Amino acid sequence: MELYHVLNRGVDKRTIFMRSADYARFVHDMYEFNDSKPAKNASRSFDPSMSDFSMSDFANRSLERKRIVDIHGWCLMKNHYHLLVSERVEGGLTLFIRKLNVGYANYFNDAYKRSGALFQGRTKKIQIASDAHFLHMLHYIHLNPLDYVAGAKSWRAGGISDVRAARAQLQKYRWSSYLDYCGKKNFPSVITTDFMRSSLGDIERKTMEYFGKMDLPDMKHYVLE
């Protein structure tokens, strides 16, 4: 199995998630567009009030779906997103990214009465080619919300001065797969957790260990310039 770190951000570094409903829409799209069928009428199954929704709501839908990728981890930030993905079918990754970006951009442009490109060029798809990056990538993705914590903004360099605030941020930030890996059902229908759990063990405990020793490998290739 080949794993890819997939990331993109708003054109000119613009905010692409303006409100909770936008984050919810993108999560909805990760589920809706992970299907071999053409992307049609996705908006019909999305309610803008779903800022409080749980993806378990979708688990009860009777529609047959054929997933084209497995999403092993994800995190949405104000102006960009990170995904950890593997293909289930040949060409599935490219198809999924295209459907996801176009679908969300169409929603965003309609919601905010704008036109033109929303994302900054071609989405980066970086194969996880080394053991070091494999062991760290899921944690790296999950720790991104620490950018919003004053005492942990330098976490990439081991600079977490307020561990309590950093932990609290991860435990309350719902726009990532971290809570599902911690056993708190957030959006369980979006992700596949078995592979990373079998490879890394207790994800929550492993993530907390980073607060004691932030031993990240060189991640410059995994950061949006």
Protein backbone atom coordinates (compact mmCIF):
# COMPACT_ATOMS: atom_id res chain seq x y z
CA MET A 1 0.00 0.00 0.00
CA GLU A 2 1.25 3.48 -0.90
CA LEU A 3 0.47 6.33 1.47
CA TYR A 4 0.28 9.96 0.35
CA HIS A 5 0.25 13.21 2.25
CA VAL A 6 -2.21 15.40 0.36
CA LEU A 7 -2.36 19.14 1.03
CA ASN A 8 -3.54 22.37 -0.49
CA ARG A 9 -4.49 25.83 0.66
CA GLY A 10 -6.45 28.87 -0.41
CA VAL A 11 -5.20 30.95 -3.29
CA ASP A 12 -3.08 33.86 -2.01
CA LYS A 13 -3.22 32.10 1.37
CA ARG A 14 -6.83 33.19 1.75
CA THR A 15 -9.15 31.71 4.36
CA ILE A 16 -11.16 28.85 2.89
CA PHE A 17 -13.14 27.97 6.03
CA MET A 18 -15.00 31.08 7.17
CA ARG A 19 -17.42 29.44 9.60
CA SER A 20 -18.25 26.07 11.16
CA ALA A 21 -20.64 25.22 8.34
CA ASP A 22 -17.74 25.44 5.86
CA TYR A 23 -15.65 22.96 7.80
CA ALA A 24 -18.70 20.73 8.03
CA ARG A 25 -19.25 20.96 4.29
CA PHE A 26 -15.67 19.89 3.55
CA VAL A 27 -15.98 16.91 5.90
CA HIS A 28 -19.26 16.03 4.22
CA ASP A 29 -17.50 16.21 0.85
CA MET A 30 -14.70 13.91 2.00
CA TYR A 31 -17.39 11.32 2.62
CA GLU A 32 -19.67 12.10 -0.32
CA PHE A 33 -16.96 12.21 -3.00
CA ASN A 34 -15.16 9.08 -1.83
CA ASP A 35 -17.21 7.07 -4.28
CA SER A 36 -16.64 5.67 -7.75
CA LYS A 37 -19.91 7.20 -8.93
CA PRO A 38 -19.86 10.64 -10.60
CA ALA A 39 -20.15 13.61 -8.26
CA LYS A 40 -23.76 14.68 -8.68
CA ASN A 41 -26.08 16.68 -6.47
CA ALA A 42 -23.89 16.45 -3.38
CA SER A 43 -25.48 19.62 -2.08
CA ARG A 44 -28.83 17.90 -1.81
CA SER A 45 -27.56 15.75 1.07
CA PHE A 46 -25.90 18.65 2.87
CA ASP A 47 -27.69 20.82 5.39
CA PRO A 48 -25.86 24.08 6.26
CA SER A 49 -26.93 23.58 9.89
CA MET A 50 -24.64 20.55 9.99
CA SER A 51 -21.95 22.43 11.93
CA ASP A 52 -23.07 20.19 14.80
CA PHE A 53 -23.47 17.03 12.78
CA SER A 54 -21.69 13.71 13.30
CA MET A 55 -20.61 11.59 10.40
CA SER A 56 -22.32 8.65 12.08
CA ASP A 57 -25.46 10.22 10.60
CA PHE A 58 -24.25 9.14 7.16
CA ALA A 59 -23.50 5.59 8.30
CA ASN A 60 -27.23 4.83 8.30
CA ARG A 61 -27.72 5.82 4.69
CA SER A 62 -28.82 2.93 2.50
CA LEU A 63 -27.02 4.09 -0.65
CA GLU A 64 -24.43 1.65 -1.91
CA ARG A 65 -21.02 3.25 -2.19
CA LYS A 66 -17.71 2.08 -3.60
CA ARG A 67 -14.87 3.94 -1.94
CA ILE A 68 -11.97 4.94 -4.15
CA VAL A 69 -9.53 5.89 -1.38
CA ASP A 70 -8.92 5.22 2.29
CA ILE A 71 -8.49 8.34 4.40
CA HIS A 72 -6.16 7.45 7.28
CA GLY A 73 -5.93 10.94 8.77
CA TRP A 74 -6.97 14.52 8.11
CA CYS A 75 -6.95 18.02 9.52
CA LEU A 76 -8.62 21.22 8.34
CA MET A 77 -7.05 24.58 9.15
CA LYS A 78 -8.37 28.06 8.36
CA ASN A 79 -6.61 28.36 5.00
CA HIS A 80 -5.47 24.82 4.16
CA TYR A 81 -6.06 21.12 4.64
CA HIS A 82 -4.00 17.96 5.20
CA LEU A 83 -5.03 14.41 4.29
CA LEU A 84 -3.25 11.06 4.69
CA VAL A 85 -4.61 8.84 1.93
CA SER A 86 -4.09 5.54 0.11
CA GLU A 87 -5.80 4.36 -3.06
CA ARG A 88 -8.37 1.57 -3.15
CA VAL A 89 -8.64 1.62 -6.96
CA GLU A 90 -6.19 2.71 -9.63
CA GLY A 91 -6.49 6.43 -10.22
CA GLY A 92 -8.67 6.81 -7.16
CA LEU A 93 -6.51 9.44 -5.48
CA THR A 94 -6.50 11.80 -8.46
CA LEU A 95 -10.25 11.36 -8.97
CA PHE A 96 -11.00 11.94 -5.29
CA ILE A 97 -8.90 15.10 -5.06
CA ARG A 98 -10.47 16.53 -8.20
CA LYS A 99 -14.00 15.86 -6.97
CA LEU A 100 -13.21 17.18 -3.51
CA ASN A 101 -11.56 20.42 -4.62
CA VAL A 102 -14.05 21.23 -7.36
CA GLY A 103 -17.04 20.34 -5.21
CA TYR A 104 -15.94 22.41 -2.26
CA ALA A 105 -14.87 25.35 -4.42
CA ASN A 106 -18.28 25.38 -6.10
CA TYR A 107 -19.98 25.38 -2.69
CA PHE A 108 -17.69 28.12 -1.35
CA ASN A 109 -18.05 30.39 -4.38
CA ASP A 110 -21.81 30.05 -4.30
CA ALA A 111 -22.01 30.63 -0.54
CA TYR A 112 -19.82 33.74 -0.62
CA LYS A 113 -20.85 35.14 -4.02
CA ARG A 114 -17.39 34.93 -5.55
CA SER A 115 -15.86 33.39 -8.67
CA GLY A 116 -12.51 32.04 -9.76
CA ALA A 117 -10.01 29.61 -8.29
CA LEU A 118 -10.23 28.87 -4.58
CA PHE A 119 -7.17 26.66 -4.16
CA GLN A 120 -3.56 27.52 -4.80
CA GLY A 121 -2.62 25.58 -7.91
CA ARG A 122 -2.13 21.85 -8.11
CA THR A 123 -2.74 19.88 -4.94
CA LYS A 124 0.47 18.45 -3.47
CA LYS A 125 0.53 14.64 -3.32
CA ILE A 126 3.66 13.49 -1.51
CA GLN A 127 4.33 9.79 -1.18
CA ILE A 128 5.43 8.71 2.28
CA ALA A 129 8.67 7.03 1.24
CA SER A 130 10.62 6.60 4.47
CA ASP A 131 10.01 4.91 7.82
CA ALA A 132 10.79 8.14 9.66
CA HIS A 133 8.09 10.09 7.88
CA PHE A 134 5.62 7.22 8.14
CA LEU A 135 6.06 7.07 11.91
CA HIS A 136 5.59 10.83 12.30
CA MET A 137 3.15 11.87 9.58
CA LEU A 138 -0.16 11.16 11.32
CA HIS A 139 1.05 12.96 14.45
CA TYR A 140 2.29 15.86 12.34
CA ILE A 141 -1.13 16.23 10.74
CA HIS A 142 -2.94 16.03 14.07
CA LEU A 143 -0.69 18.60 15.74
CA ASN A 144 -1.39 21.36 13.20
CA PRO A 145 -4.13 22.97 15.37
CA LEU A 146 -1.40 23.86 17.87
CA ASP A 147 -0.66 26.76 15.51
CA TYR A 148 -3.63 28.45 17.20
CA VAL A 149 -2.22 28.07 20.73
CA ALA A 150 0.02 30.91 21.93
CA GLY A 151 2.17 28.61 24.04
CA ALA A 152 2.64 26.00 21.32
CA LYS A 153 3.00 27.85 18.00
CA SER A 154 6.61 26.66 17.74
CA TRP A 155 5.68 23.00 18.15
CA ARG A 156 7.47 21.99 14.95
CA ALA A 157 10.72 23.01 16.61
CA GLY A 158 9.81 21.45 19.95
CA GLY A 159 8.55 24.73 21.37
CA ILE A 160 5.58 23.80 23.55
CA SER A 161 5.74 25.97 26.65
CA ASP A 162 2.11 25.45 27.66
CA VAL A 163 1.49 21.71 27.55
CA ARG A 164 -1.87 21.95 29.28
CA ALA A 165 -3.20 24.38 26.68
CA ALA A 166 -1.78 22.26 23.86
CA ARG A 167 -3.52 19.13 25.12
CA ALA A 168 -6.77 21.00 25.63
CA GLN A 169 -6.62 22.31 22.06
CA LEU A 170 -6.24 18.83 20.57
CA GLN A 171 -9.04 17.46 22.72
CA LYS A 172 -11.51 20.16 21.68
CA TYR A 173 -10.52 20.66 18.02
CA ARG A 174 -13.04 18.63 16.06
CA TRP A 175 -11.90 19.39 12.51
CA SER A 176 -9.37 16.55 12.38
CA SER A 177 -9.27 12.78 12.77
CA TYR A 178 -7.53 12.99 16.16
CA LEU A 179 -10.68 12.62 18.26
CA ASP A 180 -11.77 9.50 16.38
CA TYR A 181 -8.34 7.97 17.01
CA CYS A 182 -8.82 8.80 20.71
CA GLY A 183 -12.04 6.79 20.83
CA LYS A 184 -14.38 9.80 20.71
CA LYS A 185 -16.75 9.37 17.78
CA ASN A 186 -16.47 12.55 15.76
CA PHE A 187 -16.61 11.68 12.05
CA PRO A 188 -15.94 7.92 12.09
CA SER A 189 -17.48 7.25 8.67
CA VAL A 190 -14.84 9.39 6.97
CA ILE A 191 -11.70 7.60 8.07
CA THR A 192 -10.06 4.17 8.16
CA THR A 193 -8.21 3.76 11.47
CA ASP A 194 -7.22 0.09 11.56
CA PHE A 195 -4.01 0.40 9.56
CA MET A 196 -2.48 3.27 11.52
CA ARG A 197 -3.55 1.82 14.85
CA SER A 198 -1.98 -1.53 14.01
CA SER A 199 1.19 0.21 12.83
CA LEU A 200 1.59 2.85 15.54
CA GLY A 201 -0.34 1.51 18.50
CA ASP A 202 -2.18 3.86 20.86
CA ILE A 203 -2.40 7.07 18.80
CA GLU A 204 -3.43 9.30 21.70
CA ARG A 205 -0.57 8.10 23.90
CA LYS A 206 1.95 8.38 21.06
CA THR A 207 0.81 11.92 20.31
CA MET A 208 1.14 12.96 23.94
CA GLU A 209 4.70 11.60 23.98
CA TYR A 210 5.60 14.32 21.48
CA PHE A 211 5.05 16.91 24.18
CA GLY A 212 7.97 15.44 26.07
CA LYS A 213 10.26 14.98 23.08
CA MET A 214 9.33 16.68 19.84
CA ASP A 215 11.58 14.53 17.68
CA LEU A 216 10.17 15.34 14.25
CA PRO A 217 12.24 14.51 11.16
CA ASP A 218 12.78 17.15 8.50
CA MET A 219 9.24 17.98 7.38
CA LYS A 220 10.02 20.82 4.97
CA HIS A 221 8.66 18.84 2.01
CA TYR A 222 5.34 18.48 3.80
CA VAL A 223 4.77 22.19 4.41
CA LEU A 224 2.99 24.52 2.00
CA GLU A 225 5.30 27.32 0.89
